[in-house]
Amino acid sequence: MSNKYLPITITMQVAKDFEGKAMPSLTMRPPTTNDVIIAQQQATRVLPDGSKYIDEAESEAQLFANLTGTTREFIGALEFYDYSQLGKAYDCFLLPLPQYVGKCALLFPGSAEASPLESSEPSPSLNSTIG
């Protein structure tokens, strides 16, 4: 098996309905650069003077909806604790593979069962992984 980022399953504290189905957990797939660009485009706002800015909170919500296969409205209806767990999962994807594996295993143990990293190199200590 090649080393790669795998989707992360996030158990929700408060299940929400999506398309008529209770969602006790969400699975976030690894982001691509295009995912980030599209979310930023969707969150670009034009001011009365014609200048533009990116609404960072809106961009993040759009991105999380895309990465979980849900909608912006669904993401906005999540309890904030559950939303913050999505942020932690996303942050795992920003780490190099060895740290991703360690942090993912620590924060999302259910996702660690399919650990993508098989290496003979010593793994980093938890202190350097948690940072």
C-alpha atoms as a PDB file:
ATOM      1  CA  MET A   1       0.000   0.000   0.000  1.00  0.00           C
ATOM      2  CA  SER A   2       1.381   3.394  -0.894  1.00  0.00           C
ATOM      3  CA  ASN A   3       1.603   6.129   1.675  1.00  0.00           C
ATOM      4  CA  LYS A   4      -1.268   8.575   1.290  1.00  0.00           C
ATOM      5  CA  TYR A   5      -3.785  10.675   3.147  1.00  0.00           C
ATOM      6  CA  LEU A   6      -7.022   8.813   3.836  1.00  0.00           C
ATOM      7  CA  PRO A   7     -10.470  10.158   4.697  1.00  0.00           C
ATOM      8  CA  ILE A   8     -11.098  10.892   8.382  1.00  0.00           C
ATOM      9  CA  THR A   9     -14.328   9.918  10.128  1.00  0.00           C
ATOM     10  CA  ILE A  10     -15.572  12.413  12.700  1.00  0.00           C
ATOM     11  CA  THR A  11     -18.141  11.198  15.233  1.00  0.00           C
ATOM     12  CA  MET A  12     -20.720  13.899  15.866  1.00  0.00           C
ATOM     13  CA  GLN A  13     -21.783  14.791  19.395  1.00  0.00           C
ATOM     14  CA  VAL A  14     -25.185  15.808  18.057  1.00  0.00           C
ATOM     15  CA  ALA A  15     -26.371  13.897  14.986  1.00  0.00           C
ATOM     16  CA  LYS A  16     -28.020  16.086  12.359  1.00  0.00           C
ATOM     17  CA  ASP A  17     -30.309  15.067   9.509  1.00  0.00           C
ATOM     18  CA  PHE A  18     -28.965  15.368   5.986  1.00  0.00           C
ATOM     19  CA  GLU A  19     -31.316  14.595   3.102  1.00  0.00           C
ATOM     20  CA  GLY A  20     -33.684  12.797   5.492  1.00  0.00           C
ATOM     21  CA  LYS A  21     -31.004  10.618   7.076  1.00  0.00           C
ATOM     22  CA  ALA A  22     -29.510  10.983  10.561  1.00  0.00           C
ATOM     23  CA  MET A  23     -25.770  11.622  10.362  1.00  0.00           C
ATOM     24  CA  PRO A  24     -24.050  10.368  13.540  1.00  0.00           C
ATOM     25  CA  SER A  25     -20.679  10.874  11.842  1.00  0.00           C
ATOM     26  CA  LEU A  26     -19.145  12.651   8.868  1.00  0.00           C
ATOM     27  CA  THR A  27     -16.263  11.534   6.714  1.00  0.00           C
ATOM     28  CA  MET A  28     -13.910  14.196   5.440  1.00  0.00           C
ATOM     29  CA  ARG A  29     -11.825  13.358   2.408  1.00  0.00           C
ATOM     30  CA  PRO A  30      -8.365  14.821   1.881  1.00  0.00           C
ATOM     31  CA  PRO A  31      -8.529  18.249   0.220  1.00  0.00           C
ATOM     32  CA  THR A  32      -7.043  19.156  -3.120  1.00  0.00           C
ATOM     33  CA  THR A  33      -5.725  22.564  -4.056  1.00  0.00           C
ATOM     34  CA  ASN A  34      -8.779  23.048  -6.286  1.00  0.00           C
ATOM     35  CA  ASP A  35     -11.083  22.414  -3.303  1.00  0.00           C
ATOM     36  CA  VAL A  36      -9.482  25.337  -1.481  1.00  0.00           C
ATOM     37  CA  ILE A  37      -9.569  27.600  -4.556  1.00  0.00           C
ATOM     38  CA  ILE A  38     -13.238  26.857  -5.252  1.00  0.00           C
ATOM     39  CA  ALA A  39     -14.210  27.493  -1.620  1.00  0.00           C
ATOM     40  CA  GLN A  40     -12.361  30.833  -1.714  1.00  0.00           C
ATOM     41  CA  GLN A  41     -14.114  31.780  -4.960  1.00  0.00           C
ATOM     42  CA  GLN A  42     -17.496  30.923  -3.413  1.00  0.00           C
ATOM     43  CA  ALA A  43     -16.683  33.132  -0.423  1.00  0.00           C
ATOM     44  CA  THR A  44     -15.387  36.148  -2.375  1.00  0.00           C
ATOM     45  CA  ARG A  45     -17.403  39.261  -1.593  1.00  0.00           C
ATOM     46  CA  VAL A  46     -17.500  42.502  -3.552  1.00  0.00           C
ATOM     47  CA  LEU A  47     -17.623  45.740  -1.608  1.00  0.00           C
ATOM     48  CA  PRO A  48     -19.559  48.810  -2.805  1.00  0.00           C
ATOM     49  CA  ASP A  49     -16.296  50.370  -4.041  1.00  0.00           C
ATOM     50  CA  GLY A  50     -15.697  47.331  -6.269  1.00  0.00           C
ATOM     51  CA  SER A  51     -12.885  45.855  -4.199  1.00  0.00           C
ATOM     52  CA  LYS A  52     -13.038  42.182  -3.284  1.00  0.00           C
ATOM     53  CA  TYR A  53     -12.229  40.203  -0.175  1.00  0.00           C
ATOM     54  CA  ILE A  54     -12.526  36.581   0.894  1.00  0.00           C
ATOM     55  CA  ASP A  55     -14.816  35.882   3.831  1.00  0.00           C
ATOM     56  CA  GLU A  56     -12.544  33.354   5.582  1.00  0.00           C
ATOM     57  CA  ALA A  57     -15.276  31.848   7.780  1.00  0.00           C
ATOM     58  CA  GLU A  58     -17.552  31.356   4.775  1.00  0.00           C
ATOM     59  CA  SER A  59     -14.693  29.885   2.751  1.00  0.00           C
ATOM     60  CA  GLU A  60     -13.986  27.336   5.486  1.00  0.00           C
ATOM     61  CA  ALA A  61     -17.669  26.356   5.771  1.00  0.00           C
ATOM     62  CA  GLN A  62     -17.906  25.940   1.982  1.00  0.00           C
ATOM     63  CA  LEU A  63     -14.728  23.846   1.994  1.00  0.00           C
ATOM     64  CA  PHE A  64     -15.928  21.574   4.810  1.00  0.00           C
ATOM     65  CA  ALA A  65     -19.249  21.039   3.015  1.00  0.00           C
ATOM     66  CA  ASN A  66     -17.420  20.016  -0.147  1.00  0.00           C
ATOM     67  CA  LEU A  67     -14.984  17.720   1.665  1.00  0.00           C
ATOM     68  CA  THR A  68     -17.783  15.961   3.575  1.00  0.00           C
ATOM     69  CA  GLY A  69     -20.200  15.688   0.651  1.00  0.00           C
ATOM     70  CA  THR A  70     -22.822  17.790   2.409  1.00  0.00           C
ATOM     71  CA  THR A  71     -24.066  21.343   1.914  1.00  0.00           C
ATOM     72  CA  ARG A  72     -23.127  24.742   3.301  1.00  0.00           C
ATOM     73  CA  GLU A  73     -26.523  24.855   5.034  1.00  0.00           C
ATOM     74  CA  PHE A  74     -25.879  21.505   6.741  1.00  0.00           C
ATOM     75  CA  ILE A  75     -22.442  22.632   7.933  1.00  0.00           C
ATOM     76  CA  GLY A  76     -23.927  25.856   9.274  1.00  0.00           C
ATOM     77  CA  ALA A  77     -26.509  23.921  11.304  1.00  0.00           C
ATOM     78  CA  LEU A  78     -23.901  21.818  13.142  1.00  0.00           C
ATOM     79  CA  GLU A  79     -23.297  22.320  16.825  1.00  0.00           C
ATOM     80  CA  PHE A  80     -20.133  24.373  17.120  1.00  0.00           C
ATOM     81  CA  TYR A  81     -18.268  21.573  18.914  1.00  0.00           C
ATOM     82  CA  ASP A  82     -18.902  19.281  15.934  1.00  0.00           C
ATOM     83  CA  TYR A  83     -17.881  22.020  13.505  1.00  0.00           C
ATOM     84  CA  SER A  84     -14.646  22.507  15.430  1.00  0.00           C
ATOM     85  CA  GLN A  85     -13.942  18.767  15.087  1.00  0.00           C
ATOM     86  CA  LEU A  86     -14.148  19.201  11.315  1.00  0.00           C
ATOM     87  CA  GLY A  87     -11.504  21.907  11.653  1.00  0.00           C
ATOM     88  CA  LYS A  88      -9.242  19.551  13.586  1.00  0.00           C
ATOM     89  CA  ALA A  89      -9.658  16.861  10.928  1.00  0.00           C
ATOM     90  CA  TYR A  90      -8.859  19.379   8.187  1.00  0.00           C
ATOM     91  CA  ASP A  91      -5.761  20.513  10.095  1.00  0.00           C
ATOM     92  CA  CYS A  92      -4.533  16.892  10.096  1.00  0.00           C
ATOM     93  CA  PHE A  93      -4.415  17.003   6.288  1.00  0.00           C
ATOM     94  CA  LEU A  94      -2.034  19.975   6.469  1.00  0.00           C
ATOM     95  CA  LEU A  95       0.641  17.906   8.216  1.00  0.00           C
ATOM     96  CA  PRO A  96       3.370  15.761   6.616  1.00  0.00           C
ATOM     97  CA  LEU A  97       2.299  12.104   6.448  1.00  0.00           C
ATOM     98  CA  PRO A  98       4.063  10.852   9.609  1.00  0.00           C
ATOM     99  CA  GLN A  99       2.554  13.638  11.743  1.00  0.00           C
ATOM    100  CA  TYR A 100      -0.825  13.225   9.992  1.00  0.00           C
ATOM    101  CA  VAL A 101      -0.915   9.558  11.002  1.00  0.00           C
ATOM    102  CA  GLY A 102      -0.004  10.309  14.617  1.00  0.00           C
ATOM    103  CA  LYS A 103      -2.392  13.208  15.086  1.00  0.00           C
ATOM    104  CA  CYS A 104      -5.230  11.457  13.258  1.00  0.00           C
ATOM    105  CA  ALA A 105      -4.793   8.383  15.461  1.00  0.00           C
ATOM    106  CA  LEU A 106      -4.841  10.567  18.564  1.00  0.00           C
ATOM    107  CA  LEU A 107      -7.845  12.744  17.646  1.00  0.00           C
ATOM    108  CA  PHE A 108      -9.888  10.328  15.522  1.00  0.00           C
ATOM    109  CA  PRO A 109      -9.087   6.772  16.680  1.00  0.00           C
ATOM    110  CA  GLY A 110     -11.734   5.206  14.436  1.00  0.00           C
ATOM    111  CA  SER A 111      -9.913   6.542  11.390  1.00  0.00           C
ATOM    112  CA  ALA A 112      -6.548   5.251  12.602  1.00  0.00           C
ATOM    113  CA  GLU A 113      -7.465   1.622  11.956  1.00  0.00           C
ATOM    114  CA  ALA A 114      -6.656   2.145   8.291  1.00  0.00           C
ATOM    115  CA  SER A 115      -3.353   3.878   8.962  1.00  0.00           C
ATOM    116  CA  PRO A 116      -1.747   4.718   5.608  1.00  0.00           C
ATOM    117  CA  LEU A 117       1.837   4.828   6.835  1.00  0.00           C
ATOM    118  CA  GLU A 118       3.937   1.703   6.992  1.00  0.00           C
ATOM    119  CA  SER A 119       7.520   2.703   7.579  1.00  0.00           C
ATOM    120  CA  SER A 120      10.607   1.334   9.213  1.00  0.00           C
ATOM    121  CA  GLU A 121      11.557   4.841  10.277  1.00  0.00           C
ATOM    122  CA  PRO A 122      10.989   5.720  13.926  1.00  0.00           C
ATOM    123  CA  SER A 123       7.756   7.571  14.437  1.00  0.00           C
ATOM    124  CA  PRO A 124       7.829  11.070  15.919  1.00  0.00           C
ATOM    125  CA  SER A 125       6.993  11.426  19.592  1.00  0.00           C
ATOM    126  CA  LEU A 126       3.491  12.499  20.543  1.00  0.00           C
ATOM    127  CA  ASN A 127       4.871  15.777  21.878  1.00  0.00           C
ATOM    128  CA  SER A 128       6.188  16.750  18.451  1.00  0.00           C
ATOM    129  CA  THR A 129       3.000  15.518  16.770  1.00  0.00           C
ATOM    130  CA  ILE A 130       0.593  17.449  18.962  1.00  0.00           C
ATOM    131  CA  GLY A 131       2.766  20.539  18.902  1.00  0.00           C
END
